[in-house]
Amino acid sequence: MFNFWWQKSDQPDPVEPPQANLSQEQIQPFIQQLYEDEGLTSALTDEGAKILLDWGQAQLERLTIDPPPTDLETTTHHLRRVLLSINRLVEKRADLTDSELVERLLRLVEQSMQLAAPDAVSNDEPTS
């Protein structure tokens, strides 16, 4: 049966269960994996690697305050892709024209948006 917008439905609106915030214990192994993966920072100086990894850790720690947009595995996968793309961009920056650099930065922005809304962008390949 069709209902107009002013008519009440017989069925209650479906309610999605709220996603729970994650605990520090849940995210700690993923933080450790970031620091152990040298491939994420191979093109960076020690100072640059520290900045990048600290930012990655902060993104994961934010999940203890705000509920993750997806499961922890998917969120971590998106984060690792962003970190890897930054590393690759730094590695190739000397060979890029200004236009190429801007294009890659825009792709990187799209990738990082997946951390907040993974379905917003469908690009599954890291920036090379």
N, C-alpha and C. Protein backbone atom coordinates (compact mmCIF):
# COMPACT_ATOMS: atom_id res chain seq x y z
N MET A 1 0.84 -1.18 0.00
CA MET A 1 0.00 0.00 0.00
C MET A 1 0.89 1.24 0.00
N PHE A 2 0.51 2.22 -0.80
CA PHE A 2 1.26 3.45 -0.94
C PHE A 2 0.82 4.46 0.12
N ASN A 3 1.77 5.11 0.76
CA ASN A 3 1.47 6.15 1.74
C ASN A 3 2.03 7.48 1.25
N PHE A 4 1.25 8.53 1.40
CA PHE A 4 1.74 9.86 1.12
C PHE A 4 2.60 10.33 2.28
N TRP A 5 3.37 11.39 2.06
CA TRP A 5 4.29 11.87 3.08
C TRP A 5 3.58 12.28 4.36
N TRP A 6 2.31 12.70 4.27
CA TRP A 6 1.60 13.14 5.46
C TRP A 6 0.92 11.99 6.21
N GLN A 7 0.92 10.82 5.60
CA GLN A 7 0.33 9.67 6.26
C GLN A 7 1.39 8.91 7.03
N LYS A 8 1.02 8.40 8.17
CA LYS A 8 1.96 7.62 8.97
C LYS A 8 2.03 6.20 8.44
N SER A 9 3.21 5.68 8.43
CA SER A 9 3.42 4.30 8.02
C SER A 9 3.01 3.37 9.15
N ASP A 10 2.57 2.17 8.78
CA ASP A 10 2.23 1.17 9.80
C ASP A 10 3.47 0.61 10.47
N GLN A 11 4.57 0.65 9.77
CA GLN A 11 5.83 0.10 10.28
C GLN A 11 6.68 1.22 10.89
N PRO A 12 7.32 0.95 12.01
CA PRO A 12 8.23 1.96 12.57
C PRO A 12 9.46 2.11 11.68
N ASP A 13 10.04 3.28 11.72
CA ASP A 13 11.26 3.51 10.96
C ASP A 13 12.37 2.62 11.49
N PRO A 14 13.14 2.02 10.57
CA PRO A 14 14.24 1.19 11.06
C PRO A 14 15.29 2.06 11.74
N VAL A 15 15.80 1.57 12.82
CA VAL A 15 16.81 2.30 13.57
C VAL A 15 18.10 1.51 13.52
N GLU A 16 19.14 2.17 13.03
CA GLU A 16 20.44 1.50 12.98
C GLU A 16 21.06 1.57 14.36
N PRO A 17 21.66 0.48 14.81
CA PRO A 17 22.32 0.53 16.10
C PRO A 17 23.52 1.48 16.03
N PRO A 18 23.70 2.30 17.04
CA PRO A 18 24.84 3.21 17.01
C PRO A 18 26.15 2.42 17.06
N GLN A 19 27.14 2.91 16.30
CA GLN A 19 28.44 2.27 16.33
C GLN A 19 29.17 2.70 17.59
N ALA A 20 29.79 1.75 18.23
CA ALA A 20 30.50 2.04 19.47
C ALA A 20 31.88 2.61 19.16
N ASN A 21 32.34 3.47 20.04
CA ASN A 21 33.71 3.94 19.93
C ASN A 21 34.64 2.78 20.25
N LEU A 22 35.83 2.84 19.71
CA LEU A 22 36.80 1.78 19.95
C LEU A 22 37.65 2.13 21.17
N SER A 23 38.18 1.11 21.79
CA SER A 23 39.06 1.33 22.94
C SER A 23 40.51 1.44 22.46
N GLN A 24 41.34 1.99 23.33
CA GLN A 24 42.77 2.10 23.02
C GLN A 24 43.37 0.71 22.78
N GLU A 25 42.91 -0.28 23.53
CA GLU A 25 43.42 -1.65 23.37
C GLU A 25 43.07 -2.22 21.99
N GLN A 26 41.93 -1.84 21.45
CA GLN A 26 41.53 -2.33 20.13
C GLN A 26 42.37 -1.73 19.01
N ILE A 27 42.75 -0.46 19.15
CA ILE A 27 43.49 0.18 18.07
C ILE A 27 45.00 0.04 18.21
N GLN A 28 45.49 -0.30 19.39
CA GLN A 28 46.94 -0.36 19.63
C GLN A 28 47.67 -1.28 18.64
N PRO A 29 47.16 -2.49 18.34
CA PRO A 29 47.88 -3.33 17.37
C PRO A 29 47.99 -2.69 15.99
N PHE A 30 46.98 -1.92 15.60
CA PHE A 30 47.01 -1.26 14.30
C PHE A 30 48.01 -0.10 14.30
N ILE A 31 48.11 0.60 15.42
CA ILE A 31 49.11 1.65 15.55
C ILE A 31 50.50 1.04 15.45
N GLN A 32 50.71 -0.06 16.14
CA GLN A 32 52.01 -0.74 16.12
C GLN A 32 52.37 -1.16 14.69
N GLN A 33 51.39 -1.65 13.94
CA GLN A 33 51.64 -2.06 12.56
C GLN A 33 52.09 -0.89 11.69
N LEU A 34 51.52 0.30 11.94
CA LEU A 34 51.94 1.48 11.17
C LEU A 34 53.42 1.76 11.39
N TYR A 35 53.84 1.72 12.64
CA TYR A 35 55.23 2.03 12.96
C TYR A 35 56.19 0.95 12.49
N GLU A 36 55.72 -0.27 12.35
CA GLU A 36 56.59 -1.37 11.93
C GLU A 36 56.72 -1.50 10.42
N ASP A 37 55.82 -0.89 9.66
CA ASP A 37 55.83 -1.02 8.20
C ASP A 37 56.74 0.05 7.58
N GLU A 38 57.97 -0.33 7.27
CA GLU A 38 58.93 0.62 6.70
C GLU A 38 58.53 1.09 5.31
N GLY A 39 57.70 0.32 4.62
CA GLY A 39 57.25 0.71 3.29
C GLY A 39 56.41 1.98 3.29
N LEU A 40 55.83 2.31 4.42
CA LEU A 40 55.01 3.52 4.50
C LEU A 40 55.84 4.79 4.57
N THR A 41 57.12 4.65 4.92
CA THR A 41 57.96 5.84 5.12
C THR A 41 59.32 5.74 4.45
N SER A 42 59.50 4.81 3.54
CA SER A 42 60.82 4.55 2.96
C SER A 42 61.42 5.74 2.22
N ALA A 43 60.61 6.64 1.69
CA ALA A 43 61.13 7.78 0.94
C ALA A 43 61.28 9.03 1.81
N LEU A 44 60.98 8.91 3.09
CA LEU A 44 60.98 10.07 3.97
C LEU A 44 62.21 10.10 4.86
N THR A 45 62.57 11.31 5.27
CA THR A 45 63.61 11.45 6.29
C THR A 45 63.01 10.98 7.62
N ASP A 46 63.85 10.82 8.62
CA ASP A 46 63.34 10.42 9.94
C ASP A 46 62.31 11.42 10.46
N GLU A 47 62.60 12.71 10.26
CA GLU A 47 61.67 13.74 10.72
C GLU A 47 60.34 13.66 9.98
N GLY A 48 60.41 13.49 8.66
CA GLY A 48 59.19 13.36 7.86
C GLY A 48 58.40 12.12 8.23
N ALA A 49 59.11 11.01 8.45
CA ALA A 49 58.46 9.75 8.83
C ALA A 49 57.75 9.91 10.16
N LYS A 50 58.38 10.60 11.10
CA LYS A 50 57.77 10.80 12.42
C LYS A 50 56.48 11.62 12.29
N ILE A 51 56.53 12.67 11.48
CA ILE A 51 55.35 13.50 11.28
C ILE A 51 54.22 12.67 10.68
N LEU A 52 54.54 11.90 9.65
CA LEU A 52 53.52 11.09 8.97
C LEU A 52 52.93 10.02 9.89
N LEU A 53 53.80 9.31 10.60
CA LEU A 53 53.31 8.25 11.48
C LEU A 53 52.54 8.80 12.68
N ASP A 54 52.98 9.94 13.21
CA ASP A 54 52.23 10.57 14.30
C ASP A 54 50.83 10.97 13.83
N TRP A 55 50.74 11.47 12.60
CA TRP A 55 49.44 11.83 12.04
C TRP A 55 48.58 10.58 11.89
N GLY A 56 49.15 9.51 11.37
CA GLY A 56 48.42 8.25 11.22
C GLY A 56 47.93 7.73 12.56
N GLN A 57 48.79 7.81 13.57
CA GLN A 57 48.40 7.37 14.91
C GLN A 57 47.25 8.23 15.43
N ALA A 58 47.32 9.53 15.21
CA ALA A 58 46.25 10.42 15.66
C ALA A 58 44.92 10.08 14.99
N GLN A 59 44.98 9.69 13.71
CA GLN A 59 43.75 9.30 13.01
C GLN A 59 43.13 8.07 13.66
N LEU A 60 43.97 7.11 14.02
CA LEU A 60 43.46 5.90 14.67
C LEU A 60 42.96 6.21 16.08
N GLU A 61 43.68 7.04 16.81
CA GLU A 61 43.26 7.38 18.17
C GLU A 61 41.95 8.17 18.18
N ARG A 62 41.68 8.86 17.10
CA ARG A 62 40.42 9.59 16.98
C ARG A 62 39.23 8.62 17.04
N LEU A 63 39.47 7.36 16.65
CA LEU A 63 38.40 6.36 16.67
C LEU A 63 37.97 6.00 18.08
N THR A 64 38.76 6.37 19.09
CA THR A 64 38.36 6.14 20.48
C THR A 64 37.38 7.22 20.94
N ILE A 65 37.29 8.30 20.19
CA ILE A 65 36.39 9.41 20.52
C ILE A 65 35.16 9.39 19.61
N ASP A 66 35.41 9.29 18.30
CA ASP A 66 34.33 9.26 17.31
C ASP A 66 34.17 7.84 16.80
N PRO A 67 32.94 7.39 16.59
CA PRO A 67 32.77 6.04 16.05
C PRO A 67 33.36 5.94 14.65
N PRO A 68 33.97 4.81 14.32
CA PRO A 68 34.55 4.67 12.98
C PRO A 68 33.46 4.61 11.92
N PRO A 69 33.75 5.13 10.71
CA PRO A 69 32.74 5.10 9.65
C PRO A 69 32.50 3.68 9.13
N THR A 70 33.48 2.81 9.29
CA THR A 70 33.36 1.41 8.87
C THR A 70 34.04 0.57 9.94
N ASP A 71 34.21 -0.70 9.66
CA ASP A 71 34.92 -1.54 10.62
C ASP A 71 36.38 -1.11 10.69
N LEU A 72 37.04 -1.51 11.75
CA LEU A 72 38.42 -1.09 12.00
C LEU A 72 39.37 -1.54 10.90
N GLU A 73 39.18 -2.73 10.38
CA GLU A 73 40.05 -3.24 9.31
C GLU A 73 39.98 -2.35 8.07
N THR A 74 38.77 -1.99 7.67
CA THR A 74 38.58 -1.16 6.48
C THR A 74 39.14 0.23 6.70
N THR A 75 38.87 0.80 7.86
CA THR A 75 39.38 2.13 8.17
C THR A 75 40.91 2.13 8.16
N THR A 76 41.51 1.12 8.75
CA THR A 76 42.97 1.02 8.78
C THR A 76 43.53 0.84 7.37
N HIS A 77 42.84 0.06 6.55
CA HIS A 77 43.26 -0.13 5.16
C HIS A 77 43.30 1.21 4.42
N HIS A 78 42.24 2.01 4.58
CA HIS A 78 42.20 3.33 3.94
C HIS A 78 43.33 4.22 4.45
N LEU A 79 43.57 4.19 5.75
CA LEU A 79 44.64 4.99 6.33
C LEU A 79 46.00 4.59 5.77
N ARG A 80 46.26 3.31 5.68
CA ARG A 80 47.54 2.83 5.15
C ARG A 80 47.72 3.25 3.69
N ARG A 81 46.64 3.24 2.91
CA ARG A 81 46.72 3.68 1.52
C ARG A 81 47.09 5.15 1.44
N VAL A 82 46.52 5.97 2.32
CA VAL A 82 46.85 7.39 2.34
C VAL A 82 48.32 7.59 2.70
N LEU A 83 48.79 6.91 3.74
CA LEU A 83 50.19 7.04 4.15
C LEU A 83 51.12 6.59 3.04
N LEU A 84 50.80 5.49 2.38
CA LEU A 84 51.63 4.99 1.28
C LEU A 84 51.64 5.98 0.12
N SER A 85 50.51 6.58 -0.18
CA SER A 85 50.43 7.57 -1.25
C SER A 85 51.28 8.79 -0.94
N ILE A 86 51.28 9.22 0.30
CA ILE A 86 52.12 10.36 0.70
C ILE A 86 53.58 10.00 0.52
N ASN A 87 53.97 8.82 0.95
CA ASN A 87 55.35 8.36 0.80
C ASN A 87 55.75 8.34 -0.68
N ARG A 88 54.89 7.81 -1.53
CA ARG A 88 55.20 7.73 -2.97
C ARG A 88 55.27 9.11 -3.60
N LEU A 89 54.40 10.01 -3.15
CA LEU A 89 54.42 11.37 -3.69
C LEU A 89 55.72 12.07 -3.33
N VAL A 90 56.17 11.92 -2.11
CA VAL A 90 57.44 12.51 -1.70
C VAL A 90 58.58 11.93 -2.53
N GLU A 91 58.52 10.63 -2.76
CA GLU A 91 59.56 9.95 -3.52
C GLU A 91 59.66 10.48 -4.95
N LYS A 92 58.54 10.82 -5.56
CA LYS A 92 58.52 11.22 -6.97
C LYS A 92 58.39 12.72 -7.19
N ARG A 93 58.35 13.50 -6.13
CA ARG A 93 58.05 14.93 -6.29
C ARG A 93 59.03 15.66 -7.18
N ALA A 94 60.31 15.28 -7.18
CA ALA A 94 61.30 15.97 -8.01
C ALA A 94 61.06 15.74 -9.49
N ASP A 95 60.42 14.65 -9.83
CA ASP A 95 60.17 14.31 -11.23
C ASP A 95 58.83 14.82 -11.75
N LEU A 96 58.05 15.43 -10.90
CA LEU A 96 56.70 15.86 -11.28
C LEU A 96 56.67 17.33 -11.67
N THR A 97 55.86 17.62 -12.68
CA THR A 97 55.60 19.02 -13.00
C THR A 97 54.62 19.56 -11.96
N ASP A 98 54.43 20.86 -11.95
CA ASP A 98 53.46 21.45 -11.02
C ASP A 98 52.06 20.87 -11.24
N SER A 99 51.68 20.71 -12.50
CA SER A 99 50.35 20.16 -12.81
C SER A 99 50.21 18.74 -12.30
N GLU A 100 51.23 17.93 -12.51
CA GLU A 100 51.19 16.54 -12.03
C GLU A 100 51.12 16.49 -10.51
N LEU A 101 51.87 17.38 -9.86
CA LEU A 101 51.85 17.42 -8.40
C LEU A 101 50.45 17.78 -7.90
N VAL A 102 49.83 18.78 -8.52
CA VAL A 102 48.48 19.18 -8.12
C VAL A 102 47.50 18.03 -8.32
N GLU A 103 47.59 17.34 -9.47
CA GLU A 103 46.70 16.20 -9.72
C GLU A 103 46.86 15.13 -8.65
N ARG A 104 48.09 14.83 -8.29
CA ARG A 104 48.32 13.79 -7.28
C ARG A 104 47.88 14.23 -5.90
N LEU A 105 48.05 15.51 -5.61
CA LEU A 105 47.57 16.01 -4.33
C LEU A 105 46.04 15.92 -4.25
N LEU A 106 45.38 16.21 -5.35
CA LEU A 106 43.92 16.11 -5.36
C LEU A 106 43.47 14.66 -5.19
N ARG A 107 44.17 13.73 -5.82
CA ARG A 107 43.84 12.31 -5.62
C ARG A 107 44.08 11.90 -4.17
N LEU A 108 45.12 12.45 -3.59
CA LEU A 108 45.42 12.16 -2.19
C LEU A 108 44.32 12.69 -1.27
N VAL A 109 43.82 13.87 -1.59
CA VAL A 109 42.70 14.42 -0.82
C VAL A 109 41.49 13.50 -0.92
N GLU A 110 41.20 13.02 -2.13
CA GLU A 110 40.08 12.09 -2.30
C GLU A 110 40.28 10.84 -1.46
N GLN A 111 41.49 10.31 -1.46
CA GLN A 111 41.78 9.12 -0.66
C GLN A 111 41.58 9.39 0.83
N SER A 112 42.05 10.54 1.28
CA SER A 112 41.95 10.83 2.71
C SER A 112 40.50 11.06 3.13
N MET A 113 39.65 11.45 2.19
CA MET A 113 38.23 11.62 2.51
C MET A 113 37.60 10.27 2.85
N GLN A 114 38.17 9.18 2.37
CA GLN A 114 37.64 7.86 2.67
C GLN A 114 37.79 7.52 4.15
N LEU A 115 38.69 8.18 4.83
CA LEU A 115 38.83 7.93 6.27
C LEU A 115 37.57 8.35 7.02
N ALA A 116 36.90 9.37 6.51
CA ALA A 116 35.67 9.83 7.14
C ALA A 116 34.44 9.20 6.51
N ALA A 117 34.48 9.00 5.20
CA ALA A 117 33.33 8.43 4.48
C ALA A 117 33.84 7.54 3.37
N PRO A 118 34.14 6.28 3.65
CA PRO A 118 34.77 5.40 2.67
C PRO A 118 33.98 5.21 1.38
N ASP A 119 32.68 5.39 1.40
CA ASP A 119 31.90 5.20 0.18
C ASP A 119 31.88 6.45 -0.69
N ALA A 120 32.45 7.55 -0.20
CA ALA A 120 32.40 8.79 -0.95
C ALA A 120 33.29 8.76 -2.18
N VAL A 121 34.34 7.97 -2.14
CA VAL A 121 35.29 7.89 -3.24
C VAL A 121 35.49 6.42 -3.58
N SER A 122 35.54 6.11 -4.86
CA SER A 122 35.64 4.70 -5.24
C SER A 122 37.01 4.32 -5.76
N ASN A 123 37.99 5.18 -5.68
CA ASN A 123 39.33 4.88 -6.17
C ASN A 123 40.01 3.90 -5.23
N ASP A 124 40.26 2.67 -5.70
CA ASP A 124 40.83 1.64 -4.85
C ASP A 124 42.33 1.51 -4.97
N GLU A 125 42.94 2.18 -5.90
CA GLU A 125 44.38 2.05 -6.11
C GLU A 125 45.10 3.20 -5.43
N PRO A 126 46.21 2.93 -4.76
CA PRO A 126 46.98 4.02 -4.17
C PRO A 126 47.62 4.87 -5.25
N THR A 127 47.85 6.12 -4.94
CA THR A 127 48.50 7.02 -5.87
C THR A 127 49.91 6.54 -6.11
N SER A 128 50.30 6.46 -7.37
CA SER A 128 51.68 6.01 -7.65
C SER A 128 52.52 7.13 -8.17
